[in-house]
Amino acid sequence: MDIRHLRGSIVALVTPFHADGSVNFEKLRELVEWHIASGTDAILTLGTTGESSTMTHEEDDDTLRCVVASAAGRVPVIAGTGSNSTENALALSRDAARAGADGLLVVTPYYNKASQSGLIRHFQVIADAVETLHQELDGPEAGLEMGGL
C-alpha cells in the first residue's frame, strides 16, 4: 500500500498483554478491528511511546505479523523500527518489511550524541537497504532537519 500521501488519523496502537506478561493477540486483533471500524487511516505498531522497548524481538515480530494480518490491507500498517544502533534498526526494518509493513517509523538514535553527518548516515543506511517507505521523526527533539533526504 502506498503511504507517500497518507493523511488523517494514524493511531499509535497499544500492545495488550495477559497477566503473565505475554502479548494478548486476541485483544490485539480486536483493537485493530475497532480502530479500522472507527475510521483510522493507518495503524502504527511498535512505536516509541509504546511497549516495544520492553519486548523481545520475537514478540515484536509476532505483534507486527498479527497487526498486518488483522489489517488485511484495509489500512496501512507502519512499524516502529528505531534503535540507538544503526545495525539493529536496519535489522528491525528488514524484518518489518518482510512481515508486510507498509511503512517504517525510524527515529534518531536515542542516547547517542551523533553528529549531523552521523545521523544522516544512520538514516541513509536504512533507506538504501530497505525499500519499504520510511518516515523519520523530524522535529526539534530530533535535532536534525531531514528535508534533504
N, C-alpha and C. Protein backbone atom coordinates (compact mmCIF):
# COMPACT_ATOMS: atom_id res chain seq x y z
N MET A 1 0.85 -1.17 0.00
CA MET A 1 0.00 0.00 0.00
C MET A 1 0.90 1.24 0.00
N ASP A 2 0.64 2.17 -0.87
CA ASP A 2 1.45 3.38 -0.99
C ASP A 2 1.05 4.38 0.09
N ILE A 3 2.01 4.73 0.94
CA ILE A 3 1.71 5.66 2.04
C ILE A 3 2.32 7.04 1.84
N ARG A 4 2.84 7.31 0.66
CA ARG A 4 3.52 8.59 0.45
C ARG A 4 2.62 9.80 0.67
N HIS A 5 1.34 9.66 0.46
CA HIS A 5 0.42 10.79 0.61
C HIS A 5 -0.61 10.53 1.71
N LEU A 6 -0.20 9.73 2.69
CA LEU A 6 -1.09 9.38 3.78
C LEU A 6 -1.50 10.61 4.56
N ARG A 7 -2.78 10.73 4.82
CA ARG A 7 -3.32 11.83 5.60
C ARG A 7 -4.36 11.27 6.57
N GLY A 8 -4.62 12.02 7.61
CA GLY A 8 -5.68 11.64 8.53
C GLY A 8 -5.16 11.13 9.85
N SER A 9 -5.91 10.27 10.44
CA SER A 9 -5.61 9.74 11.77
C SER A 9 -4.74 8.49 11.68
N ILE A 10 -3.60 8.56 12.32
CA ILE A 10 -2.72 7.39 12.42
C ILE A 10 -2.64 7.05 13.90
N VAL A 11 -3.21 5.93 14.29
CA VAL A 11 -3.23 5.56 15.70
C VAL A 11 -1.92 4.88 16.08
N ALA A 12 -1.37 5.31 17.22
CA ALA A 12 -0.23 4.61 17.82
C ALA A 12 -0.84 3.51 18.69
N LEU A 13 -0.82 2.31 18.18
CA LEU A 13 -1.54 1.19 18.77
C LEU A 13 -0.84 0.69 20.03
N VAL A 14 -1.61 0.50 21.09
CA VAL A 14 -1.09 -0.10 22.31
C VAL A 14 -0.98 -1.61 22.10
N THR A 15 -0.02 -2.22 22.75
CA THR A 15 0.12 -3.68 22.70
C THR A 15 -0.49 -4.25 23.98
N PRO A 16 -1.58 -5.00 23.88
CA PRO A 16 -2.20 -5.57 25.09
C PRO A 16 -1.45 -6.82 25.56
N PHE A 17 -1.44 -7.00 26.87
CA PHE A 17 -0.74 -8.15 27.46
C PHE A 17 -1.68 -8.93 28.37
N HIS A 18 -1.36 -10.21 28.53
CA HIS A 18 -2.02 -11.04 29.54
C HIS A 18 -1.38 -10.74 30.89
N ALA A 19 -1.98 -11.21 31.96
CA ALA A 19 -1.45 -11.01 33.30
C ALA A 19 -0.05 -11.59 33.47
N ASP A 20 0.26 -12.64 32.69
CA ASP A 20 1.59 -13.26 32.80
C ASP A 20 2.66 -12.53 31.98
N GLY A 21 2.28 -11.44 31.30
CA GLY A 21 3.26 -10.65 30.55
C GLY A 21 3.36 -11.01 29.08
N SER A 22 2.66 -12.03 28.64
CA SER A 22 2.68 -12.39 27.22
C SER A 22 1.73 -11.50 26.43
N VAL A 23 2.01 -11.32 25.15
CA VAL A 23 1.16 -10.48 24.30
C VAL A 23 -0.20 -11.16 24.14
N ASN A 24 -1.25 -10.37 24.28
CA ASN A 24 -2.62 -10.86 24.13
C ASN A 24 -3.03 -10.61 22.67
N PHE A 25 -2.79 -11.59 21.82
CA PHE A 25 -3.04 -11.43 20.39
C PHE A 25 -4.53 -11.33 20.06
N GLU A 26 -5.37 -11.99 20.85
CA GLU A 26 -6.82 -11.87 20.63
C GLU A 26 -7.26 -10.41 20.82
N LYS A 27 -6.82 -9.79 21.91
CA LYS A 27 -7.16 -8.38 22.15
C LYS A 27 -6.49 -7.46 21.12
N LEU A 28 -5.31 -7.81 20.68
CA LEU A 28 -4.62 -7.01 19.66
C LEU A 28 -5.44 -7.00 18.37
N ARG A 29 -5.93 -8.16 17.96
CA ARG A 29 -6.78 -8.23 16.77
C ARG A 29 -8.06 -7.41 16.96
N GLU A 30 -8.64 -7.49 18.15
CA GLU A 30 -9.84 -6.69 18.45
C GLU A 30 -9.55 -5.20 18.35
N LEU A 31 -8.40 -4.77 18.85
CA LEU A 31 -8.03 -3.35 18.77
C LEU A 31 -7.88 -2.89 17.33
N VAL A 32 -7.24 -3.71 16.52
CA VAL A 32 -7.08 -3.36 15.11
C VAL A 32 -8.46 -3.21 14.47
N GLU A 33 -9.34 -4.17 14.71
CA GLU A 33 -10.70 -4.11 14.15
C GLU A 33 -11.43 -2.86 14.63
N TRP A 34 -11.32 -2.55 15.91
CA TRP A 34 -12.01 -1.38 16.47
C TRP A 34 -11.52 -0.10 15.82
N HIS A 35 -10.20 0.04 15.68
CA HIS A 35 -9.65 1.26 15.08
C HIS A 35 -10.05 1.39 13.60
N ILE A 36 -10.04 0.30 12.87
CA ILE A 36 -10.45 0.36 11.47
C ILE A 36 -11.94 0.72 11.38
N ALA A 37 -12.76 0.09 12.20
CA ALA A 37 -14.20 0.39 12.20
C ALA A 37 -14.46 1.83 12.62
N SER A 38 -13.57 2.40 13.43
CA SER A 38 -13.74 3.78 13.90
C SER A 38 -13.20 4.81 12.92
N GLY A 39 -12.60 4.34 11.83
CA GLY A 39 -12.18 5.25 10.78
C GLY A 39 -10.74 5.70 10.78
N THR A 40 -9.87 5.02 11.52
CA THR A 40 -8.47 5.41 11.46
C THR A 40 -7.93 5.20 10.05
N ASP A 41 -6.98 6.03 9.66
CA ASP A 41 -6.42 5.96 8.31
C ASP A 41 -5.18 5.09 8.20
N ALA A 42 -4.55 4.81 9.32
CA ALA A 42 -3.37 3.94 9.35
C ALA A 42 -3.11 3.53 10.79
N ILE A 43 -2.36 2.45 10.95
CA ILE A 43 -2.02 1.95 12.28
C ILE A 43 -0.50 1.91 12.41
N LEU A 44 -0.02 2.49 13.51
CA LEU A 44 1.40 2.44 13.85
C LEU A 44 1.55 1.47 15.01
N THR A 45 2.32 0.43 14.82
CA THR A 45 2.59 -0.51 15.88
C THR A 45 4.08 -0.48 16.22
N LEU A 46 4.39 -0.79 17.46
CA LEU A 46 5.76 -0.85 17.95
C LEU A 46 6.46 0.51 17.93
N GLY A 47 5.69 1.56 18.15
CA GLY A 47 6.25 2.92 18.16
C GLY A 47 7.03 3.21 19.42
N THR A 48 7.58 4.41 19.47
CA THR A 48 8.47 4.78 20.57
C THR A 48 7.73 5.13 21.86
N THR A 49 6.43 5.35 21.80
CA THR A 49 5.69 5.64 23.02
C THR A 49 5.05 4.38 23.59
N GLY A 50 5.29 3.25 22.97
CA GLY A 50 4.67 2.01 23.38
C GLY A 50 5.60 1.10 24.14
N GLU A 51 5.22 -0.16 24.13
CA GLU A 51 5.90 -1.16 24.94
C GLU A 51 7.04 -1.87 24.22
N SER A 52 7.26 -1.57 22.97
CA SER A 52 8.20 -2.37 22.17
C SER A 52 9.61 -2.38 22.76
N SER A 53 9.98 -1.33 23.47
CA SER A 53 11.34 -1.31 24.03
C SER A 53 11.51 -2.34 25.15
N THR A 54 10.40 -2.88 25.66
CA THR A 54 10.49 -3.90 26.71
C THR A 54 10.15 -5.28 26.18
N MET A 55 9.87 -5.38 24.89
CA MET A 55 9.50 -6.66 24.28
C MET A 55 10.71 -7.30 23.61
N THR A 56 10.66 -8.62 23.47
CA THR A 56 11.73 -9.32 22.76
C THR A 56 11.56 -9.10 21.25
N HIS A 57 12.60 -9.39 20.48
CA HIS A 57 12.49 -9.28 19.02
C HIS A 57 11.42 -10.23 18.50
N GLU A 58 11.33 -11.41 19.09
CA GLU A 58 10.30 -12.37 18.66
C GLU A 58 8.91 -11.80 18.93
N GLU A 59 8.70 -11.18 20.09
CA GLU A 59 7.40 -10.57 20.39
C GLU A 59 7.10 -9.42 19.42
N ASP A 60 8.12 -8.62 19.11
CA ASP A 60 7.95 -7.55 18.12
C ASP A 60 7.49 -8.14 16.78
N ASP A 61 8.20 -9.17 16.32
CA ASP A 61 7.87 -9.78 15.02
C ASP A 61 6.45 -10.36 15.03
N ASP A 62 6.11 -11.08 16.10
CA ASP A 62 4.79 -11.69 16.19
C ASP A 62 3.69 -10.62 16.25
N THR A 63 3.96 -9.54 16.98
CA THR A 63 2.99 -8.44 17.10
C THR A 63 2.76 -7.79 15.74
N LEU A 64 3.84 -7.50 15.04
CA LEU A 64 3.71 -6.88 13.73
C LEU A 64 2.97 -7.79 12.76
N ARG A 65 3.32 -9.07 12.72
CA ARG A 65 2.63 -10.01 11.82
C ARG A 65 1.14 -10.08 12.15
N CYS A 66 0.80 -10.04 13.43
CA CYS A 66 -0.61 -10.07 13.83
C CYS A 66 -1.33 -8.81 13.35
N VAL A 67 -0.71 -7.65 13.52
CA VAL A 67 -1.35 -6.39 13.11
C VAL A 67 -1.51 -6.35 11.59
N VAL A 68 -0.47 -6.76 10.86
CA VAL A 68 -0.55 -6.78 9.39
C VAL A 68 -1.66 -7.72 8.93
N ALA A 69 -1.72 -8.90 9.50
CA ALA A 69 -2.75 -9.86 9.11
C ALA A 69 -4.14 -9.34 9.47
N SER A 70 -4.27 -8.72 10.62
CA SER A 70 -5.57 -8.21 11.05
C SER A 70 -6.03 -7.04 10.19
N ALA A 71 -5.11 -6.17 9.84
CA ALA A 71 -5.47 -5.03 8.99
C ALA A 71 -5.83 -5.50 7.58
N ALA A 72 -5.21 -6.56 7.13
CA ALA A 72 -5.55 -7.22 5.85
C ALA A 72 -5.65 -6.25 4.68
N GLY A 73 -4.75 -5.25 4.64
CA GLY A 73 -4.73 -4.33 3.51
C GLY A 73 -5.80 -3.25 3.56
N ARG A 74 -6.61 -3.22 4.60
CA ARG A 74 -7.67 -2.21 4.68
C ARG A 74 -7.14 -0.83 5.04
N VAL A 75 -6.09 -0.79 5.84
CA VAL A 75 -5.38 0.45 6.17
C VAL A 75 -3.90 0.13 6.19
N PRO A 76 -3.06 1.11 5.93
CA PRO A 76 -1.62 0.86 6.01
C PRO A 76 -1.18 0.57 7.44
N VAL A 77 -0.15 -0.26 7.55
CA VAL A 77 0.46 -0.56 8.84
C VAL A 77 1.89 -0.03 8.80
N ILE A 78 2.21 0.80 9.78
CA ILE A 78 3.55 1.37 9.91
C ILE A 78 4.20 0.74 11.14
N ALA A 79 5.42 0.27 10.99
CA ALA A 79 6.12 -0.39 12.09
C ALA A 79 7.22 0.51 12.62
N GLY A 80 7.25 0.67 13.93
CA GLY A 80 8.37 1.37 14.56
C GLY A 80 9.59 0.47 14.54
N THR A 81 10.67 0.95 13.95
CA THR A 81 11.88 0.14 13.84
C THR A 81 13.11 0.89 14.33
N GLY A 82 12.90 1.85 15.20
CA GLY A 82 14.00 2.66 15.68
C GLY A 82 14.86 1.95 16.71
N SER A 83 16.10 2.39 16.78
CA SER A 83 17.05 1.85 17.74
C SER A 83 18.20 2.83 17.87
N ASN A 84 18.94 2.75 18.96
CA ASN A 84 20.14 3.58 19.07
C ASN A 84 21.30 2.99 18.28
N SER A 85 21.12 1.80 17.76
CA SER A 85 22.13 1.12 16.95
C SER A 85 21.65 1.07 15.50
N THR A 86 22.46 1.56 14.59
CA THR A 86 22.09 1.54 13.17
C THR A 86 21.89 0.11 12.70
N GLU A 87 22.78 -0.81 13.09
CA GLU A 87 22.64 -2.20 12.65
C GLU A 87 21.36 -2.83 13.17
N ASN A 88 21.00 -2.53 14.42
CA ASN A 88 19.76 -3.08 14.97
C ASN A 88 18.55 -2.47 14.27
N ALA A 89 18.57 -1.15 14.05
CA ALA A 89 17.46 -0.50 13.34
C ALA A 89 17.33 -1.07 11.93
N LEU A 90 18.44 -1.35 11.28
CA LEU A 90 18.41 -1.94 9.95
C LEU A 90 17.80 -3.34 10.00
N ALA A 91 18.20 -4.15 10.96
CA ALA A 91 17.65 -5.50 11.09
C ALA A 91 16.14 -5.44 11.38
N LEU A 92 15.73 -4.55 12.28
CA LEU A 92 14.30 -4.39 12.58
C LEU A 92 13.54 -3.94 11.34
N SER A 93 14.12 -3.03 10.58
CA SER A 93 13.47 -2.51 9.37
C SER A 93 13.33 -3.60 8.32
N ARG A 94 14.36 -4.40 8.14
CA ARG A 94 14.27 -5.51 7.19
C ARG A 94 13.21 -6.51 7.61
N ASP A 95 13.19 -6.84 8.91
CA ASP A 95 12.19 -7.78 9.41
C ASP A 95 10.79 -7.23 9.20
N ALA A 96 10.59 -5.93 9.46
CA ALA A 96 9.27 -5.31 9.30
C ALA A 96 8.84 -5.33 7.83
N ALA A 97 9.77 -5.07 6.94
CA ALA A 97 9.44 -5.10 5.51
C ALA A 97 9.03 -6.50 5.09
N ARG A 98 9.76 -7.51 5.57
CA ARG A 98 9.42 -8.90 5.25
C ARG A 98 8.06 -9.30 5.83
N ALA A 99 7.71 -8.72 6.97
CA ALA A 99 6.44 -9.05 7.63
C ALA A 99 5.25 -8.35 6.97
N GLY A 100 5.52 -7.44 6.03
CA GLY A 100 4.44 -6.80 5.31
C GLY A 100 4.09 -5.40 5.74
N ALA A 101 4.93 -4.76 6.56
CA ALA A 101 4.65 -3.37 6.94
C ALA A 101 4.64 -2.50 5.70
N ASP A 102 3.73 -1.55 5.67
CA ASP A 102 3.63 -0.62 4.55
C ASP A 102 4.59 0.55 4.69
N GLY A 103 5.05 0.78 5.90
CA GLY A 103 5.97 1.88 6.16
C GLY A 103 6.72 1.64 7.45
N LEU A 104 7.77 2.42 7.64
CA LEU A 104 8.61 2.31 8.83
C LEU A 104 8.69 3.65 9.52
N LEU A 105 8.68 3.63 10.84
CA LEU A 105 8.94 4.81 11.64
C LEU A 105 10.34 4.62 12.22
N VAL A 106 11.29 5.41 11.72
CA VAL A 106 12.68 5.30 12.14
C VAL A 106 13.03 6.57 12.92
N VAL A 107 13.50 6.39 14.13
CA VAL A 107 13.80 7.54 14.99
C VAL A 107 15.30 7.81 15.03
N THR A 108 15.64 9.00 15.47
CA THR A 108 17.07 9.29 15.68
C THR A 108 17.58 8.37 16.78
N PRO A 109 18.82 7.93 16.69
CA PRO A 109 19.36 7.04 17.72
C PRO A 109 19.32 7.71 19.09
N TYR A 110 18.61 7.08 20.01
CA TYR A 110 18.50 7.64 21.35
C TYR A 110 19.75 7.31 22.16
N TYR A 111 20.05 8.16 23.09
CA TYR A 111 21.21 8.10 23.98
C TYR A 111 22.52 8.44 23.29
N ASN A 112 22.60 8.26 22.00
CA ASN A 112 23.83 8.58 21.27
C ASN A 112 23.80 10.05 20.88
N LYS A 113 24.91 10.70 20.91
CA LYS A 113 25.00 12.10 20.51
C LYS A 113 25.78 12.14 19.19
N ALA A 114 25.12 11.71 18.14
CA ALA A 114 25.78 11.65 16.83
C ALA A 114 25.85 13.03 16.19
N SER A 115 26.81 13.20 15.34
CA SER A 115 26.92 14.44 14.57
C SER A 115 25.82 14.47 13.51
N GLN A 116 25.64 15.62 12.89
CA GLN A 116 24.66 15.74 11.81
C GLN A 116 24.95 14.72 10.71
N SER A 117 26.21 14.60 10.31
CA SER A 117 26.55 13.64 9.24
C SER A 117 26.35 12.21 9.72
N GLY A 118 26.59 11.93 11.00
CA GLY A 118 26.36 10.59 11.53
C GLY A 118 24.88 10.23 11.53
N LEU A 119 24.03 11.20 11.86
CA LEU A 119 22.59 10.95 11.83
C LEU A 119 22.11 10.70 10.40
N ILE A 120 22.62 11.48 9.48
CA ILE A 120 22.24 11.28 8.07
C ILE A 120 22.68 9.90 7.61
N ARG A 121 23.90 9.48 7.98
CA ARG A 121 24.37 8.14 7.60
C ARG A 121 23.47 7.06 8.20
N HIS A 122 23.04 7.25 9.45
CA HIS A 122 22.16 6.29 10.11
C HIS A 122 20.90 6.05 9.26
N PHE A 123 20.25 7.15 8.87
CA PHE A 123 19.03 7.03 8.07
C PHE A 123 19.33 6.54 6.66
N GLN A 124 20.43 6.95 6.10
CA GLN A 124 20.77 6.57 4.72
C GLN A 124 21.03 5.08 4.60
N VAL A 125 21.71 4.50 5.60
CA VAL A 125 21.97 3.05 5.59
C VAL A 125 20.65 2.29 5.51
N ILE A 126 19.68 2.71 6.31
CA ILE A 126 18.38 2.04 6.32
C ILE A 126 17.64 2.29 5.01
N ALA A 127 17.63 3.53 4.56
CA ALA A 127 16.91 3.87 3.32
C ALA A 127 17.49 3.13 2.12
N ASP A 128 18.79 2.96 2.09
CA ASP A 128 19.43 2.28 0.97
C ASP A 128 19.18 0.77 0.97
N ALA A 129 18.93 0.20 2.14
CA ALA A 129 18.83 -1.25 2.25
C ALA A 129 17.40 -1.77 2.27
N VAL A 130 16.44 -0.92 2.59
CA VAL A 130 15.06 -1.37 2.76
C VAL A 130 14.17 -0.54 1.84
N GLU A 131 13.41 -1.22 0.99
CA GLU A 131 12.58 -0.50 0.04
C GLU A 131 11.29 0.02 0.63
N THR A 132 10.87 -0.52 1.79
CA THR A 132 9.64 -0.04 2.42
C THR A 132 9.78 1.44 2.74
N LEU A 133 8.74 2.19 2.47
CA LEU A 133 8.78 3.62 2.77
C LEU A 133 9.00 3.84 4.26
N HIS A 134 9.75 4.88 4.57
CA HIS A 134 10.04 5.17 5.97
C HIS A 134 9.82 6.64 6.25
N GLN A 135 9.54 6.92 7.51
CA GLN A 135 9.35 8.28 7.96
C GLN A 135 10.27 8.51 9.15
N GLU A 136 11.13 9.48 9.03
CA GLU A 136 11.99 9.82 10.15
C GLU A 136 11.26 10.84 11.01
N LEU A 137 11.44 10.73 12.32
CA LEU A 137 10.91 11.77 13.19
C LEU A 137 11.76 13.00 12.94
N ASP A 138 11.14 14.07 12.51
CA ASP A 138 11.84 15.31 12.16
C ASP A 138 11.22 16.43 12.96
N GLY A 139 11.76 16.67 14.09
CA GLY A 139 11.23 17.73 14.93
C GLY A 139 12.32 18.29 15.80
N PRO A 140 12.01 19.27 16.61
CA PRO A 140 13.03 19.90 17.42
C PRO A 140 13.73 18.90 18.35
N GLU A 141 12.98 17.87 18.80
CA GLU A 141 13.60 16.89 19.70
C GLU A 141 14.62 16.03 18.96
N ALA A 142 14.50 15.94 17.65
CA ALA A 142 15.44 15.14 16.89
C ALA A 142 16.76 15.85 16.66
N GLY A 143 16.75 17.17 16.69
CA GLY A 143 17.98 17.93 16.46
C GLY A 143 18.50 17.76 15.05
N LEU A 144 17.61 17.52 14.10
CA LEU A 144 18.03 17.17 12.75
C LEU A 144 16.98 17.64 11.77
N GLU A 145 17.40 18.24 10.70
CA GLU A 145 16.50 18.58 9.61
C GLU A 145 16.72 17.57 8.50
N MET A 146 15.69 16.82 8.16
CA MET A 146 15.81 15.75 7.17
C MET A 146 15.32 16.16 5.79
N GLY A 147 15.06 17.43 5.57
CA GLY A 147 14.49 17.87 4.32
C GLY A 147 15.27 17.48 3.08
N GLY A 148 16.57 17.26 3.20
CA GLY A 148 17.39 16.97 2.03
C GLY A 148 17.38 15.50 1.61
N LEU A 149 16.83 14.61 2.43
CA LEU A 149 16.85 13.17 2.08
C LEU A 149 15.66 12.82 1.24
